[in-house]
C-alpha atoms as a PDB file:
ATOM      1  CA  MET A   1       0.000   0.000   0.000  1.00  0.00           C
ATOM      2  CA  ALA A   2       1.102   3.553  -0.639  1.00  0.00           C
ATOM      3  CA  SER A   3       2.264   5.809   2.161  1.00  0.00           C
ATOM      4  CA  LEU A   4      -0.170   8.202   3.822  1.00  0.00           C
ATOM      5  CA  ASP A   5       0.294  11.936   4.253  1.00  0.00           C
ATOM      6  CA  SER A   6      -0.292  12.798   7.913  1.00  0.00           C
ATOM      7  CA  HIS A   7      -2.613  15.723   7.142  1.00  0.00           C
ATOM      8  CA  VAL A   8      -4.862  13.564   4.957  1.00  0.00           C
ATOM      9  CA  LEU A   9      -4.641  10.704   7.443  1.00  0.00           C
ATOM     10  CA  MET A  10      -5.776  12.880  10.343  1.00  0.00           C
ATOM     11  CA  LYS A  11      -8.779  13.971   8.295  1.00  0.00           C
ATOM     12  CA  LEU A  12      -9.535  10.349   7.460  1.00  0.00           C
ATOM     13  CA  VAL A  13      -9.274   9.275  11.075  1.00  0.00           C
ATOM     14  CA  SER A  14     -11.517  12.094  12.272  1.00  0.00           C
ATOM     15  CA  LEU A  15     -14.276  10.911   9.937  1.00  0.00           C
ATOM     16  CA  PHE A  16     -14.745   7.551  11.590  1.00  0.00           C
ATOM     17  CA  LEU A  17     -12.735   7.285  14.807  1.00  0.00           C
ATOM     18  CA  SER A  18     -15.108   9.426  16.856  1.00  0.00           C
ATOM     19  CA  THR A  19     -17.989   7.049  16.104  1.00  0.00           C
ATOM     20  CA  LEU A  20     -16.079   3.801  15.796  1.00  0.00           C
ATOM     21  CA  PHE A  21     -15.734   3.102  19.491  1.00  0.00           C
ATOM     22  CA  VAL A  22     -19.314   4.087  20.220  1.00  0.00           C
ATOM     23  CA  THR A  23     -20.086   0.845  18.387  1.00  0.00           C
ATOM     24  CA  ILE A  24     -17.640  -1.056  20.569  1.00  0.00           C
ATOM     25  CA  LEU A  25     -18.943   0.324  23.833  1.00  0.00           C
ATOM     26  CA  SER A  26     -22.621   0.072  22.935  1.00  0.00           C
ATOM     27  CA  SER A  27     -22.272  -3.571  21.930  1.00  0.00           C
ATOM     28  CA  GLU A  28     -20.422  -4.629  25.093  1.00  0.00           C
ATOM     29  CA  SER A  29     -22.590  -5.914  27.930  1.00  0.00           C
ATOM     30  CA  GLN A  30     -20.454  -3.782  30.226  1.00  0.00           C
ATOM     31  CA  CYS A  31     -18.163  -1.010  29.111  1.00  0.00           C
ATOM     32  CA  ARG A  32     -14.593  -2.115  29.701  1.00  0.00           C
ATOM     33  CA  ASN A  33     -11.116  -0.935  28.925  1.00  0.00           C
ATOM     34  CA  PHE A  34      -8.891  -2.787  26.513  1.00  0.00           C
ATOM     35  CA  GLU A  35      -5.619  -3.822  28.074  1.00  0.00           C
ATOM     36  CA  SER A  36      -3.714  -4.092  24.799  1.00  0.00           C
ATOM     37  CA  ILE A  37      -3.881  -4.052  20.998  1.00  0.00           C
ATOM     38  CA  ILE A  38      -2.917  -7.052  18.864  1.00  0.00           C
ATOM     39  CA  SER A  39      -2.429  -6.084  15.229  1.00  0.00           C
ATOM     40  CA  PHE A  40      -2.128  -7.928  11.927  1.00  0.00           C
ATOM     41  CA  GLY A  41      -2.031  -6.435   8.436  1.00  0.00           C
ATOM     42  CA  ASP A  42       0.059  -4.598   5.866  1.00  0.00           C
ATOM     43  CA  SER A  43       1.701  -1.162   5.596  1.00  0.00           C
ATOM     44  CA  ILE A  44      -1.446   0.628   6.762  1.00  0.00           C
ATOM     45  CA  ALA A  45      -0.740  -0.792  10.249  1.00  0.00           C
ATOM     46  CA  ASP A  46       3.011  -1.537  10.045  1.00  0.00           C
ATOM     47  CA  THR A  47       4.707   0.396  12.851  1.00  0.00           C
ATOM     48  CA  GLY A  48       8.186  -0.847  11.923  1.00  0.00           C
ATOM     49  CA  ASN A  49       8.108  -4.571  11.170  1.00  0.00           C
ATOM     50  CA  LEU A  50       9.361  -4.383   7.586  1.00  0.00           C
ATOM     51  CA  LEU A  51      12.225  -2.207   8.794  1.00  0.00           C
ATOM     52  CA  GLY A  52      13.004  -4.743  11.522  1.00  0.00           C
ATOM     53  CA  LEU A  53      12.999  -7.600   9.019  1.00  0.00           C
ATOM     54  CA  SER A  54      15.155  -5.819   6.438  1.00  0.00           C
ATOM     55  CA  ASP A  55      18.857  -6.176   5.804  1.00  0.00           C
ATOM     56  CA  HIS A  56      20.817  -3.095   6.870  1.00  0.00           C
ATOM     57  CA  ASN A  57      22.174  -2.847   3.335  1.00  0.00           C
ATOM     58  CA  ASN A  58      18.707  -2.977   1.789  1.00  0.00           C
ATOM     59  CA  LEU A  59      16.435  -0.855   3.966  1.00  0.00           C
ATOM     60  CA  PRO A  60      12.878   0.038   2.899  1.00  0.00           C
ATOM     61  CA  MET A  61      12.004   3.593   1.953  1.00  0.00           C
ATOM     62  CA  SER A  62      10.191   3.987   5.289  1.00  0.00           C
ATOM     63  CA  ALA A  63      13.647   4.068   6.911  1.00  0.00           C
ATOM     64  CA  PHE A  64      14.424   7.429   5.317  1.00  0.00           C
ATOM     65  CA  PRO A  65      12.984  10.967   5.332  1.00  0.00           C
ATOM     66  CA  PRO A  66      10.437  12.338   4.658  1.00  0.00           C
ATOM     67  CA  TYR A  67       8.883   9.362   6.473  1.00  0.00           C
ATOM     68  CA  GLY A  68       8.285  10.212  10.117  1.00  0.00           C
ATOM     69  CA  GLU A  69       9.155  13.892   9.805  1.00  0.00           C
ATOM     70  CA  THR A  70       5.902  15.518  10.999  1.00  0.00           C
ATOM     71  CA  PHE A  71       5.285  13.766  14.328  1.00  0.00           C
ATOM     72  CA  PHE A  72       8.106  11.487  15.442  1.00  0.00           C
ATOM     73  CA  HIS A  73      10.643  13.752  13.688  1.00  0.00           C
ATOM     74  CA  HIS A  74      12.597  10.761  12.429  1.00  0.00           C
ATOM     75  CA  PRO A  75      11.794   7.652  10.370  1.00  0.00           C
ATOM     76  CA  THR A  76      10.218   4.888  12.466  1.00  0.00           C
ATOM     77  CA  GLY A  77       9.459   2.341   9.764  1.00  0.00           C
ATOM     78  CA  ARG A  78       5.912   3.640   9.353  1.00  0.00           C
ATOM     79  CA  PHE A  79       4.824   4.303   5.782  1.00  0.00           C
ATOM     80  CA  SER A  80       3.650   7.784   6.698  1.00  0.00           C
ATOM     81  CA  ASP A  81       5.224  11.125   7.478  1.00  0.00           C
ATOM     82  CA  GLY A  82       3.403  10.944  10.817  1.00  0.00           C
ATOM     83  CA  ARG A  83       1.145   8.548  12.673  1.00  0.00           C
ATOM     84  CA  LEU A  84      -0.896   5.644  11.325  1.00  0.00           C
ATOM     85  CA  ILE A  85      -4.528   4.814  12.052  1.00  0.00           C
ATOM     86  CA  ILE A  86      -3.377   2.242  14.620  1.00  0.00           C
ATOM     87  CA  ASP A  87      -1.509   5.026  16.438  1.00  0.00           C
ATOM     88  CA  PHE A  88      -4.650   7.146  16.700  1.00  0.00           C
ATOM     89  CA  ILE A  89      -6.592   4.131  17.952  1.00  0.00           C
ATOM     90  CA  ALA A  90      -3.968   3.524  20.648  1.00  0.00           C
ATOM     91  CA  GLU A  91      -4.150   7.180  21.695  1.00  0.00           C
ATOM     92  CA  PHE A  92      -7.941   7.007  21.845  1.00  0.00           C
ATOM     93  CA  LEU A  93      -7.779   3.959  24.117  1.00  0.00           C
ATOM     94  CA  GLY A  94      -5.111   5.476  26.343  1.00  0.00           C
ATOM     95  CA  LEU A  95      -2.583   2.838  25.319  1.00  0.00           C
ATOM     96  CA  PRO A  96       1.026   3.293  24.177  1.00  0.00           C
ATOM     97  CA  TYR A  97       1.851   3.076  20.497  1.00  0.00           C
ATOM     98  CA  VAL A  98       1.855  -0.565  19.453  1.00  0.00           C
ATOM     99  CA  PRO A  99       5.458  -1.771  19.037  1.00  0.00           C
ATOM    100  CA  PRO A 100       6.478  -3.896  16.052  1.00  0.00           C
ATOM    101  CA  TYR A 101       7.230  -7.508  16.928  1.00  0.00           C
ATOM    102  CA  PHE A 102      10.202  -7.701  14.557  1.00  0.00           C
ATOM    103  CA  GLY A 103      13.270  -5.715  15.491  1.00  0.00           C
ATOM    104  CA  SER A 104      11.739  -4.239  18.640  1.00  0.00           C
ATOM    105  CA  THR A 105      14.468  -2.882  20.900  1.00  0.00           C
ATOM    106  CA  ASN A 106      12.778  -3.178  24.303  1.00  0.00           C
ATOM    107  CA  GLY A 107      10.655  -6.307  23.780  1.00  0.00           C
ATOM    108  CA  ASN A 108       7.879  -4.919  25.992  1.00  0.00           C
ATOM    109  CA  PHE A 109       4.617  -6.182  24.522  1.00  0.00           C
ATOM    110  CA  GLU A 110       2.477  -5.989  27.657  1.00  0.00           C
ATOM    111  CA  LYS A 111       0.237  -3.283  26.186  1.00  0.00           C
ATOM    112  CA  GLY A 112       0.289  -4.424  22.588  1.00  0.00           C
ATOM    113  CA  VAL A 113       2.112  -6.209  19.816  1.00  0.00           C
ATOM    114  CA  ASN A 114       2.061  -5.622  16.085  1.00  0.00           C
ATOM    115  CA  PHE A 115       2.687  -8.245  13.400  1.00  0.00           C
ATOM    116  CA  ALA A 116       1.578  -6.157  10.398  1.00  0.00           C
ATOM    117  CA  VAL A 117       4.200  -5.981   7.650  1.00  0.00           C
ATOM    118  CA  ALA A 118       4.247  -3.674   4.644  1.00  0.00           C
ATOM    119  CA  SER A 119       3.467  -5.492   1.363  1.00  0.00           C
ATOM    120  CA  ALA A 120       1.860  -8.383   3.252  1.00  0.00           C
ATOM    121  CA  THR A 121      -0.937 -10.300   1.580  1.00  0.00           C
ATOM    122  CA  ALA A 122      -3.879 -12.212   2.969  1.00  0.00           C
ATOM    123  CA  LEU A 123      -3.186 -15.213   0.739  1.00  0.00           C
ATOM    124  CA  LYS A 124      -0.018 -17.285   0.886  1.00  0.00           C
ATOM    125  CA  SER A 125       2.760 -15.804  -1.218  1.00  0.00           C
ATOM    126  CA  SER A 126       3.387 -19.234  -2.768  1.00  0.00           C
ATOM    127  CA  PHE A 127      -0.246 -19.350  -3.932  1.00  0.00           C
ATOM    128  CA  LEU A 128       0.080 -15.945  -5.582  1.00  0.00           C
ATOM    129  CA  GLU A 129       3.503 -16.716  -7.059  1.00  0.00           C
ATOM    130  CA  GLU A 130       2.100 -19.851  -8.702  1.00  0.00           C
ATOM    131  CA  ARG A 131      -0.322 -17.594 -10.539  1.00  0.00           C
ATOM    132  CA  GLY A 132       2.447 -15.286 -11.681  1.00  0.00           C
ATOM    133  CA  TYR A 133       1.889 -12.514  -9.142  1.00  0.00           C
ATOM    134  CA  HIS A 134       5.204 -11.422  -7.670  1.00  0.00           C
ATOM    135  CA  CYS A 135       5.200 -10.948  -3.883  1.00  0.00           C
ATOM    136  CA  PRO A 136       8.222  -9.164  -2.378  1.00  0.00           C
ATOM    137  CA  HIS A 137       7.826 -10.796   1.057  1.00  0.00           C
ATOM    138  CA  ASN A 138       6.568 -14.055   2.531  1.00  0.00           C
ATOM    139  CA  ILE A 139       4.728 -12.515   5.484  1.00  0.00           C
ATOM    140  CA  SER A 140       1.120 -13.316   4.670  1.00  0.00           C
ATOM    141  CA  LEU A 141      -1.686 -13.122   7.211  1.00  0.00           C
ATOM    142  CA  GLY A 142      -1.279 -16.824   7.910  1.00  0.00           C
ATOM    143  CA  VAL A 143       2.436 -16.373   8.580  1.00  0.00           C
ATOM    144  CA  GLN A 144       1.738 -13.448  10.925  1.00  0.00           C
ATOM    145  CA  LEU A 145      -0.799 -15.515  12.848  1.00  0.00           C
ATOM    146  CA  LYS A 146       1.600 -18.461  13.036  1.00  0.00           C
ATOM    147  CA  ILE A 147       4.359 -16.257  14.461  1.00  0.00           C
ATOM    148  CA  PHE A 148       1.904 -14.792  16.968  1.00  0.00           C
ATOM    149  CA  LYS A 149       0.957 -18.265  18.184  1.00  0.00           C
ATOM    150  CA  GLN A 150       4.618 -19.279  18.439  1.00  0.00           C
ATOM    151  CA  SER A 151       5.397 -16.132  20.448  1.00  0.00           C
ATOM    152  CA  LEU A 152       2.648 -16.652  23.040  1.00  0.00           C
ATOM    153  CA  PRO A 153       4.870 -18.367  25.656  1.00  0.00           C
ATOM    154  CA  ASN A 154       7.061 -15.256  25.682  1.00  0.00           C
ATOM    155  CA  LEU A 155       4.170 -12.798  25.463  1.00  0.00           C
ATOM    156  CA  CYS A 156       1.911 -14.172  28.165  1.00  0.00           C
ATOM    157  CA  GLY A 157       3.257 -17.424  29.640  1.00  0.00           C
ATOM    158  CA  LEU A 158       0.603 -19.929  30.662  1.00  0.00           C
ATOM    159  CA  PRO A 159      -2.226 -20.853  28.240  1.00  0.00           C
ATOM    160  CA  SER A 160      -4.818 -19.488  30.674  1.00  0.00           C
ATOM    161  CA  ASP A 161      -2.965 -16.177  30.896  1.00  0.00           C
ATOM    162  CA  CYS A 162      -2.694 -16.032  27.107  1.00  0.00           C
ATOM    163  CA  ARG A 163      -6.416 -16.604  26.735  1.00  0.00           C
ATOM    164  CA  ASP A 164      -7.064 -13.734  29.142  1.00  0.00           C
ATOM    165  CA  MET A 165      -4.626 -11.495  27.268  1.00  0.00           C
ATOM    166  CA  ILE A 166      -6.268 -12.190  23.908  1.00  0.00           C
ATOM    167  CA  GLY A 167      -9.743 -11.784  25.386  1.00  0.00           C
ATOM    168  CA  ASN A 168      -8.913  -8.385  26.878  1.00  0.00           C
ATOM    169  CA  ALA A 169      -7.245  -7.059  23.728  1.00  0.00           C
ATOM    170  CA  LEU A 170      -8.603  -5.137  20.784  1.00  0.00           C
ATOM    171  CA  ILE A 171      -7.576  -7.267  17.803  1.00  0.00           C
ATOM    172  CA  LEU A 172      -6.950  -5.199  14.678  1.00  0.00           C
ATOM    173  CA  MET A 173      -7.385  -7.507  11.690  1.00  0.00           C
ATOM    174  CA  GLY A 174      -5.925  -5.487   8.884  1.00  0.00           C
ATOM    175  CA  GLU A 175      -6.258  -3.678   6.692  1.00  0.00           C
ATOM    176  CA  ILE A 176      -5.237  -6.805   4.787  1.00  0.00           C
ATOM    177  CA  GLY A 177      -5.989  -8.048   1.278  1.00  0.00           C
ATOM    178  CA  ALA A 178      -5.270  -4.941  -0.771  1.00  0.00           C
ATOM    179  CA  ASN A 179      -1.867  -6.206  -1.867  1.00  0.00           C
ATOM    180  CA  ASP A 180      -3.416  -9.450  -3.102  1.00  0.00           C
ATOM    181  CA  TYR A 181      -5.125  -7.230  -5.667  1.00  0.00           C
ATOM    182  CA  ASN A 182      -2.435  -4.577  -6.055  1.00  0.00           C
ATOM    183  CA  PHE A 183       0.230  -6.960  -7.313  1.00  0.00           C
ATOM    184  CA  PRO A 184      -1.821  -8.380 -10.226  1.00  0.00           C
ATOM    185  CA  PHE A 185      -3.304  -4.974 -11.044  1.00  0.00           C
ATOM    186  CA  PHE A 186       0.217  -3.537 -11.263  1.00  0.00           C
ATOM    187  CA  GLN A 187       0.930  -6.311 -13.778  1.00  0.00           C
ATOM    188  CA  LEU A 188      -2.126  -5.180 -15.777  1.00  0.00           C
ATOM    189  CA  ARG A 189      -3.946  -8.462 -15.204  1.00  0.00           C
ATOM    190  CA  PRO A 190      -7.618  -8.500 -16.300  1.00  0.00           C
ATOM    191  CA  LEU A 191     -10.249  -7.380 -13.817  1.00  0.00           C
ATOM    192  CA  ASP A 192     -12.155 -10.671 -14.009  1.00  0.00           C
ATOM    193  CA  GLU A 193      -8.978 -12.572 -13.165  1.00  0.00           C
ATOM    194  CA  VAL A 194      -8.264 -10.453 -10.089  1.00  0.00           C
ATOM    195  CA  LYS A 195     -11.901 -10.621  -9.023  1.00  0.00           C
ATOM    196  CA  GLU A 196     -11.547 -14.387  -8.637  1.00  0.00           C
ATOM    197  CA  LEU A 197      -9.214 -13.727  -5.697  1.00  0.00           C
ATOM    198  CA  VAL A 198     -11.830 -11.860  -3.645  1.00  0.00           C
ATOM    199  CA  PRO A 199     -13.648 -14.871  -2.129  1.00  0.00           C
ATOM    200  CA  LEU A 200     -10.281 -16.455  -1.330  1.00  0.00           C
ATOM    201  CA  VAL A 201      -9.071 -13.302   0.430  1.00  0.00           C
ATOM    202  CA  ILE A 202     -12.325 -12.987   2.386  1.00  0.00           C
ATOM    203  CA  SER A 203     -12.167 -16.652   3.409  1.00  0.00           C
ATOM    204  CA  THR A 204      -8.591 -16.226   4.639  1.00  0.00           C
ATOM    205  CA  ILE A 205      -9.507 -13.209   6.775  1.00  0.00           C
ATOM    206  CA  SER A 206     -12.517 -15.074   8.146  1.00  0.00           C
ATOM    207  CA  SER A 207     -10.418 -18.127   9.013  1.00  0.00           C
ATOM    208  CA  ALA A 208      -7.909 -15.973  10.912  1.00  0.00           C
ATOM    209  CA  ILE A 209     -10.696 -14.324  12.920  1.00  0.00           C
ATOM    210  CA  THR A 210     -12.252 -17.715  13.659  1.00  0.00           C
ATOM    211  CA  GLU A 211      -8.924 -19.092  14.863  1.00  0.00           C
ATOM    212  CA  LEU A 212      -8.395 -16.111  17.157  1.00  0.00           C
ATOM    213  CA  ILE A 213     -11.926 -16.475  18.532  1.00  0.00           C
ATOM    214  CA  GLY A 214     -10.997 -20.041  19.428  1.00  0.00           C
ATOM    215  CA  MET A 215      -7.980 -18.653  21.278  1.00  0.00           C
ATOM    216  CA  GLY A 216     -10.158 -16.331  23.346  1.00  0.00           C
ATOM    217  CA  GLY A 217     -10.547 -13.265  21.126  1.00  0.00           C
ATOM    218  CA  ARG A 218     -13.635 -11.203  21.956  1.00  0.00           C
ATOM    219  CA  THR A 219     -13.281  -7.876  20.137  1.00  0.00           C
ATOM    220  CA  PHE A 220     -12.151  -7.486  16.530  1.00  0.00           C
ATOM    221  CA  LEU A 221     -11.777  -4.363  14.437  1.00  0.00           C
ATOM    222  CA  VAL A 222     -11.816  -5.415  10.772  1.00  0.00           C
ATOM    223  CA  PRO A 223     -11.148  -2.644   8.233  1.00  0.00           C
ATOM    224  CA  GLY A 224     -12.365  -2.740   4.680  1.00  0.00           C
ATOM    225  CA  GLY A 225     -10.150  -1.667   1.820  1.00  0.00           C
ATOM    226  CA  PHE A 226      -9.416   1.771   0.428  1.00  0.00           C
ATOM    227  CA  PRO A 227     -10.758   3.069  -2.919  1.00  0.00           C
ATOM    228  CA  LEU A 228      -8.078   1.718  -5.254  1.00  0.00           C
ATOM    229  CA  GLY A 229      -9.317   3.927  -8.070  1.00  0.00           C
ATOM    230  CA  CYS A 230      -8.143   6.985  -6.145  1.00  0.00           C
ATOM    231  CA  SER A 231      -4.583   5.680  -5.836  1.00  0.00           C
ATOM    232  CA  VAL A 232      -2.087   7.929  -7.589  1.00  0.00           C
ATOM    233  CA  ALA A 233      -0.201   4.845  -8.780  1.00  0.00           C
ATOM    234  CA  PHE A 234      -3.268   3.354 -10.453  1.00  0.00           C
ATOM    235  CA  LEU A 235      -4.404   6.718 -11.814  1.00  0.00           C
ATOM    236  CA  THR A 236      -1.009   6.947 -13.508  1.00  0.00           C
ATOM    237  CA  LEU A 237      -0.837   3.319 -14.636  1.00  0.00           C
ATOM    238  CA  HIS A 238      -4.368   3.304 -16.062  1.00  0.00           C
ATOM    239  CA  GLN A 239      -4.405   6.859 -17.372  1.00  0.00           C
ATOM    240  CA  THR A 240      -6.847   7.294 -20.233  1.00  0.00           C
ATOM    241  CA  SER A 241      -8.261  10.073 -22.397  1.00  0.00           C
ATOM    242  CA  ASN A 242     -11.739   8.596 -21.950  1.00  0.00           C
ATOM    243  CA  MET A 243     -13.187  10.823 -19.254  1.00  0.00           C
ATOM    244  CA  GLU A 244     -16.093   8.401 -18.800  1.00  0.00           C
ATOM    245  CA  GLU A 245     -13.647   6.190 -16.900  1.00  0.00           C
ATOM    246  CA  TYR A 246     -13.371   8.787 -14.132  1.00  0.00           C
ATOM    247  CA  ASP A 247     -15.764   9.745 -11.364  1.00  0.00           C
ATOM    248  CA  PRO A 248     -16.503  13.441 -12.018  1.00  0.00           C
ATOM    249  CA  LEU A 249     -16.814  14.129  -8.280  1.00  0.00           C
ATOM    250  CA  THR A 250     -13.483  12.634  -7.241  1.00  0.00           C
ATOM    251  CA  GLY A 251     -11.359  12.115 -10.354  1.00  0.00           C
ATOM    252  CA  CYS A 252     -10.973   8.461  -9.344  1.00  0.00           C
ATOM    253  CA  LEU A 253     -11.187   5.486 -11.700  1.00  0.00           C
ATOM    254  CA  LYS A 254     -14.736   4.176 -11.469  1.00  0.00           C
ATOM    255  CA  TRP A 255     -14.035   0.556 -12.405  1.00  0.00           C
ATOM    256  CA  LEU A 256     -11.339   0.157  -9.766  1.00  0.00           C
ATOM    257  CA  ASN A 257     -13.515   1.708  -7.088  1.00  0.00           C
ATOM    258  CA  LYS A 258     -16.364  -0.623  -8.010  1.00  0.00           C
ATOM    259  CA  PHE A 259     -13.944  -3.485  -7.466  1.00  0.00           C
ATOM    260  CA  GLY A 260     -13.106  -2.070  -4.029  1.00  0.00           C
ATOM    261  CA  GLU A 261     -16.799  -1.838  -3.224  1.00  0.00           C
ATOM    262  CA  TYR A 262     -17.227  -5.486  -4.203  1.00  0.00           C
ATOM    263  CA  HIS A 263     -14.470  -6.534  -1.776  1.00  0.00           C
ATOM    264  CA  SER A 264     -16.012  -4.459   1.022  1.00  0.00           C
ATOM    265  CA  GLU A 265     -19.484  -5.890   0.401  1.00  0.00           C
ATOM    266  CA  GLN A 266     -18.201  -9.462   0.451  1.00  0.00           C
ATOM    267  CA  LEU A 267     -16.193  -8.809   3.605  1.00  0.00           C
ATOM    268  CA  GLN A 268     -19.195  -7.329   5.409  1.00  0.00           C
ATOM    269  CA  GLU A 269     -21.364 -10.292   4.429  1.00  0.00           C
ATOM    270  CA  GLU A 270     -18.789 -12.663   5.876  1.00  0.00           C
ATOM    271  CA  LEU A 271     -18.487 -10.640   9.075  1.00  0.00           C
ATOM    272  CA  ASN A 272     -22.265 -10.803   9.477  1.00  0.00           C
ATOM    273  CA  ARG A 273     -22.053 -14.578   9.159  1.00  0.00           C
ATOM    274  CA  LEU A 274     -19.341 -14.723  11.822  1.00  0.00           C
ATOM    275  CA  ARG A 275     -21.405 -12.547  14.160  1.00  0.00           C
ATOM    276  CA  LYS A 276     -24.318 -14.968  13.934  1.00  0.00           C
ATOM    277  CA  LEU A 277     -22.028 -17.911  14.657  1.00  0.00           C
ATOM    278  CA  ASN A 278     -20.316 -16.100  17.548  1.00  0.00           C
ATOM    279  CA  PRO A 279     -22.880 -13.881  19.309  1.00  0.00           C
ATOM    280  CA  HIS A 280     -20.554 -13.455  22.301  1.00  0.00           C
ATOM    281  CA  VAL A 281     -17.896 -11.846  20.101  1.00  0.00           C
ATOM    282  CA  ASN A 282     -17.817  -8.187  19.061  1.00  0.00           C
ATOM    283  CA  ILE A 283     -16.793  -7.830  15.399  1.00  0.00           C
ATOM    284  CA  ILE A 284     -16.644  -4.233  14.174  1.00  0.00           C
ATOM    285  CA  TYR A 285     -16.296  -3.304  10.520  1.00  0.00           C
ATOM    286  CA  ALA A 286     -14.217  -0.158   9.935  1.00  0.00           C
ATOM    287  CA  ASP A 287     -15.319   1.536   6.719  1.00  0.00           C
ATOM    288  CA  TYR A 288     -12.019   2.892   5.438  1.00  0.00           C
ATOM    289  CA  TYR A 289     -13.436   2.984   1.904  1.00  0.00           C
ATOM    290  CA  ASN A 290     -16.212   5.532   2.367  1.00  0.00           C
ATOM    291  CA  ALA A 291     -14.258   7.555   4.913  1.00  0.00           C
ATOM    292  CA  SER A 292     -11.475   7.958   2.326  1.00  0.00           C
ATOM    293  CA  LEU A 293     -13.892   8.671  -0.506  1.00  0.00           C
ATOM    294  CA  ARG A 294     -15.480  11.534   1.415  1.00  0.00           C
ATOM    295  CA  LEU A 295     -12.143  13.337   1.303  1.00  0.00           C
ATOM    296  CA  GLY A 296     -12.206  13.188  -2.488  1.00  0.00           C
ATOM    297  CA  ARG A 297     -15.855  14.138  -2.796  1.00  0.00           C
ATOM    298  CA  GLU A 298     -15.657  17.104  -0.424  1.00  0.00           C
ATOM    299  CA  PRO A 299     -12.015  18.268  -0.537  1.00  0.00           C
ATOM    300  CA  SER A 300     -12.708  21.871   0.465  1.00  0.00           C
ATOM    301  CA  LYS A 301     -14.793  20.776   3.450  1.00  0.00           C
ATOM    302  CA  HIS A 302     -11.929  18.650   4.726  1.00  0.00           C
ATOM    303  CA  ASP A 303      -9.142  21.035   3.639  1.00  0.00           C
ATOM    304  CA  THR A 304      -7.592  18.625   1.141  1.00  0.00           C
ATOM    305  CA  CYS A 305      -6.617  18.988  -2.503  1.00  0.00           C
ATOM    306  CA  PRO A 306      -8.942  17.355  -5.066  1.00  0.00           C
ATOM    307  CA  LEU A 307      -7.662  14.665  -7.406  1.00  0.00           C
ATOM    308  CA  VAL A 308      -7.326  15.757 -11.000  1.00  0.00           C
ATOM    309  CA  ALA A 309      -7.454  13.232 -13.831  1.00  0.00           C
ATOM    310  CA  VAL A 310      -5.206  14.360 -16.706  1.00  0.00           C
END
């Protein structure tokens, strides 16, 4: 996923964060505080894992300015010039910023642990590679979950303590899945071909949530995807003189955004199914898609620059 400008990100967060946790609190039988955050995902939630996994002679761009310049005043491994959505969530909950599991200097994960890695996919990298989609890293959602399970003895000790830890945590499941689509789209693969991946991605996310429920998880925040048609990279790659391809309100590519809507719809349907199967579990859908799109539709209202299709 592309990096996020801190000014735009703060606007995005303000659109949904103030109401997001009303859903959490209203759906809990008793309002309670979360003791930690457990995070999985890609660059949208990566607080430094890719940097921690990288060779010192081949560091990611998040290791260099301008990344980190507006808030931390130095690169932290975040793909943003400031904070990420997960950072704002931690602040809202009164918790410290969630440390990356890989390359963490202090190893203190009592209040949270983050396994999200930039460029991560939901599906196994081997599965995608077999279909000709190049994946730069083998840190899929399944790999992240496997490492989390292997780390539990160090994180929480006894199985009963681990179950309590997971049950008292807010589990951030993503954003994950965008790169499963980004990689083939960057290779100009047909839309119908990429669309075949959607049910597989949704099933993988669902399986991870189900496994964590079995481990004691009680509260999940599951983000949808962003509007891919508003991505500068895709606007450049799929530039066309046919203005019918663009949304006149946002300048975004309509066909790519419709694809993003399809993913979000399928994800929400699956989350509804999981809620029915697990009525004791709180599963919250975070609508990143429409929150982001509002910035493009009302740029002056949110003090952002409109996209221009040229």
